[in-house]
Amino acid sequence: MSLDANTSTLRRGPADKILRRGPLEAIATTIIAAGVVMLMQPFFLTLYSWSFATTLFGTVMFTIVSKVRE
């Protein structure tokens, strides 16, 4: 009695599709870009004040996500 190779694979749910490197890197890159835009706009002091934290968060997120499986 032999086992089929497809029966031993694990089923992946919707969370496994979202928690992959590609989508998370895209989100992190978008956060970094938003932080840079916030830094360059001259109109709202609140956005300027949070720009460094936003850019830093996106950078740290990108660094962590780069270690996630494909």
N, C-alpha and C. Protein backbone atom coordinates (compact mmCIF):
# COMPACT_ATOMS: atom_id res chain seq x y z
N MET A 1 0.84 -1.17 0.00
CA MET A 1 0.00 0.00 0.00
C MET A 1 0.89 1.24 0.00
N SER A 2 0.76 2.05 -1.00
CA SER A 2 1.60 3.24 -1.10
C SER A 2 0.76 4.49 -0.86
N LEU A 3 1.42 5.49 -0.34
CA LEU A 3 0.75 6.76 -0.08
C LEU A 3 0.98 7.71 -1.23
N ASP A 4 -0.05 8.41 -1.56
CA ASP A 4 0.08 9.43 -2.60
C ASP A 4 0.78 10.65 -2.01
N ALA A 5 1.63 11.28 -2.77
CA ALA A 5 2.40 12.44 -2.28
C ALA A 5 1.49 13.62 -1.96
N ASN A 6 0.36 13.72 -2.61
CA ASN A 6 -0.54 14.85 -2.38
C ASN A 6 -1.33 14.72 -1.09
N THR A 7 -1.50 13.51 -0.57
CA THR A 7 -2.28 13.34 0.65
C THR A 7 -1.50 13.75 1.89
N SER A 8 -0.21 13.81 1.82
CA SER A 8 0.58 14.15 3.00
C SER A 8 0.83 15.65 3.14
N THR A 9 0.40 16.44 2.17
CA THR A 9 0.61 17.88 2.27
C THR A 9 -0.41 18.49 3.22
N LEU A 10 -0.02 19.54 3.87
CA LEU A 10 -0.90 20.23 4.81
C LEU A 10 -1.82 21.18 4.07
N ARG A 11 -3.01 21.30 4.57
CA ARG A 11 -3.93 22.27 3.99
C ARG A 11 -3.58 23.65 4.50
N ARG A 12 -3.71 24.60 3.63
CA ARG A 12 -3.39 25.97 4.01
C ARG A 12 -4.66 26.79 4.04
N GLY A 13 -4.82 27.54 5.09
CA GLY A 13 -6.00 28.38 5.24
C GLY A 13 -5.74 29.78 4.69
N PRO A 14 -6.72 30.67 4.84
CA PRO A 14 -6.56 32.03 4.34
C PRO A 14 -5.45 32.80 5.06
N ALA A 15 -5.21 32.49 6.33
CA ALA A 15 -4.14 33.17 7.06
C ALA A 15 -2.77 32.81 6.51
N ASP A 16 -2.61 31.57 6.06
CA ASP A 16 -1.33 31.15 5.49
C ASP A 16 -1.05 31.84 4.16
N LYS A 17 -2.12 32.17 3.43
CA LYS A 17 -1.93 32.88 2.17
C LYS A 17 -1.54 34.33 2.40
N ILE A 18 -2.05 34.92 3.46
CA ILE A 18 -1.74 36.33 3.75
C ILE A 18 -0.37 36.44 4.41
N LEU A 19 -0.05 35.52 5.31
CA LEU A 19 1.21 35.58 6.04
C LEU A 19 2.35 34.97 5.25
N ARG A 20 2.57 35.50 4.08
CA ARG A 20 3.67 35.08 3.22
C ARG A 20 4.55 36.28 2.96
N ARG A 21 5.72 36.06 2.45
CA ARG A 21 6.69 37.13 2.27
C ARG A 21 6.21 38.20 1.30
N GLY A 22 5.66 37.81 0.17
CA GLY A 22 5.28 38.77 -0.87
C GLY A 22 4.31 39.83 -0.41
N PRO A 23 3.13 39.45 0.11
CA PRO A 23 2.18 40.47 0.55
C PRO A 23 2.68 41.30 1.73
N LEU A 24 3.39 40.66 2.65
CA LEU A 24 3.89 41.41 3.81
C LEU A 24 4.98 42.40 3.42
N GLU A 25 5.83 42.02 2.47
CA GLU A 25 6.84 42.97 1.98
C GLU A 25 6.18 44.15 1.28
N ALA A 26 5.11 43.89 0.55
CA ALA A 26 4.39 44.98 -0.12
C ALA A 26 3.77 45.93 0.91
N ILE A 27 3.22 45.39 1.98
CA ILE A 27 2.65 46.23 3.03
C ILE A 27 3.73 47.05 3.71
N ALA A 28 4.86 46.41 4.02
CA ALA A 28 5.96 47.12 4.68
C ALA A 28 6.51 48.23 3.77
N THR A 29 6.63 47.96 2.49
CA THR A 29 7.11 48.97 1.55
C THR A 29 6.13 50.15 1.46
N THR A 30 4.85 49.85 1.49
CA THR A 30 3.83 50.90 1.47
C THR A 30 3.91 51.76 2.73
N ILE A 31 4.15 51.15 3.87
CA ILE A 31 4.29 51.91 5.12
C ILE A 31 5.52 52.80 5.07
N ILE A 32 6.61 52.29 4.53
CA ILE A 32 7.82 53.11 4.40
C ILE A 32 7.56 54.30 3.48
N ALA A 33 6.90 54.04 2.35
CA ALA A 33 6.58 55.12 1.41
C ALA A 33 5.66 56.15 2.05
N ALA A 34 4.69 55.70 2.83
CA ALA A 34 3.80 56.63 3.52
C ALA A 34 4.57 57.49 4.50
N GLY A 35 5.53 56.91 5.20
CA GLY A 35 6.36 57.68 6.13
C GLY A 35 7.19 58.73 5.42
N VAL A 36 7.72 58.41 4.26
CA VAL A 36 8.52 59.38 3.49
C VAL A 36 7.63 60.51 2.97
N VAL A 37 6.43 60.16 2.51
CA VAL A 37 5.49 61.20 2.06
C VAL A 37 5.10 62.10 3.23
N MET A 38 4.87 61.51 4.39
CA MET A 38 4.55 62.30 5.58
C MET A 38 5.70 63.24 5.94
N LEU A 39 6.92 62.80 5.73
CA LEU A 39 8.08 63.61 6.03
C LEU A 39 8.22 64.80 5.09
N MET A 40 7.83 64.62 3.85
CA MET A 40 8.05 65.66 2.84
C MET A 40 6.90 66.66 2.70
N GLN A 41 5.75 66.37 3.28
CA GLN A 41 4.62 67.29 3.12
C GLN A 41 4.80 68.49 4.08
N PRO A 42 4.45 69.70 3.63
CA PRO A 42 4.70 70.89 4.46
C PRO A 42 3.47 71.41 5.20
N PHE A 43 2.34 70.69 5.19
CA PHE A 43 1.09 71.27 5.67
C PHE A 43 0.69 70.89 7.08
N PHE A 44 0.90 69.65 7.47
CA PHE A 44 0.40 69.17 8.76
C PHE A 44 1.56 68.77 9.66
N LEU A 45 1.67 69.45 10.78
CA LEU A 45 2.76 69.18 11.71
C LEU A 45 2.61 67.80 12.35
N THR A 46 1.38 67.36 12.56
CA THR A 46 1.16 66.04 13.17
C THR A 46 1.69 64.92 12.27
N LEU A 47 1.42 65.02 10.97
CA LEU A 47 1.94 64.01 10.05
C LEU A 47 3.47 64.04 10.02
N TYR A 48 4.03 65.23 10.02
CA TYR A 48 5.49 65.36 10.03
C TYR A 48 6.06 64.75 11.32
N SER A 49 5.37 64.97 12.44
CA SER A 49 5.86 64.47 13.72
C SER A 49 5.87 62.94 13.77
N TRP A 50 4.91 62.30 13.12
CA TRP A 50 4.83 60.85 13.13
C TRP A 50 5.57 60.19 11.97
N SER A 51 6.17 60.97 11.09
CA SER A 51 6.80 60.41 9.90
C SER A 51 7.99 59.51 10.22
N PHE A 52 8.82 59.91 11.17
CA PHE A 52 9.99 59.09 11.50
C PHE A 52 9.56 57.76 12.10
N ALA A 53 8.59 57.81 13.02
CA ALA A 53 8.11 56.56 13.64
C ALA A 53 7.49 55.64 12.60
N THR A 54 6.76 56.20 11.65
CA THR A 54 6.14 55.39 10.60
C THR A 54 7.19 54.75 9.70
N THR A 55 8.17 55.54 9.30
CA THR A 55 9.24 55.00 8.45
C THR A 55 10.04 53.94 9.20
N LEU A 56 10.32 54.19 10.46
CA LEU A 56 11.06 53.22 11.27
C LEU A 56 10.27 51.93 11.43
N PHE A 57 8.96 52.03 11.69
CA PHE A 57 8.12 50.85 11.82
C PHE A 57 8.12 50.03 10.53
N GLY A 58 7.99 50.72 9.39
CA GLY A 58 8.01 50.02 8.10
C GLY A 58 9.34 49.33 7.84
N THR A 59 10.42 49.97 8.23
CA THR A 59 11.75 49.39 8.02
C THR A 59 11.95 48.15 8.89
N VAL A 60 11.54 48.25 10.15
CA VAL A 60 11.66 47.10 11.06
C VAL A 60 10.76 45.96 10.58
N MET A 61 9.56 46.31 10.13
CA MET A 61 8.65 45.29 9.61
C MET A 61 9.24 44.60 8.39
N PHE A 62 9.84 45.38 7.49
CA PHE A 62 10.45 44.80 6.30
C PHE A 62 11.60 43.87 6.67
N THR A 63 12.39 44.27 7.66
CA THR A 63 13.51 43.44 8.10
C THR A 63 13.02 42.11 8.68
N ILE A 64 11.96 42.16 9.48
CA ILE A 64 11.42 40.94 10.07
C ILE A 64 10.77 40.06 9.00
N VAL A 65 10.02 40.69 8.10
CA VAL A 65 9.30 39.94 7.06
C VAL A 65 10.27 39.26 6.11
N SER A 66 11.44 39.83 5.93
CA SER A 66 12.40 39.22 5.01
C SER A 66 12.89 37.85 5.52
N LYS A 67 12.62 37.57 6.80
CA LYS A 67 12.99 36.27 7.36
C LYS A 67 11.87 35.25 7.27
N VAL A 68 10.67 35.67 6.83
CA VAL A 68 9.51 34.78 6.74
C VAL A 68 9.67 33.88 5.51
N ARG A 69 9.06 32.71 5.58
CA ARG A 69 9.16 31.74 4.49
C ARG A 69 8.50 32.28 3.23
N GLU A 70 8.90 31.70 2.12
CA GLU A 70 8.31 32.07 0.83
C GLU A 70 6.92 31.58 0.85
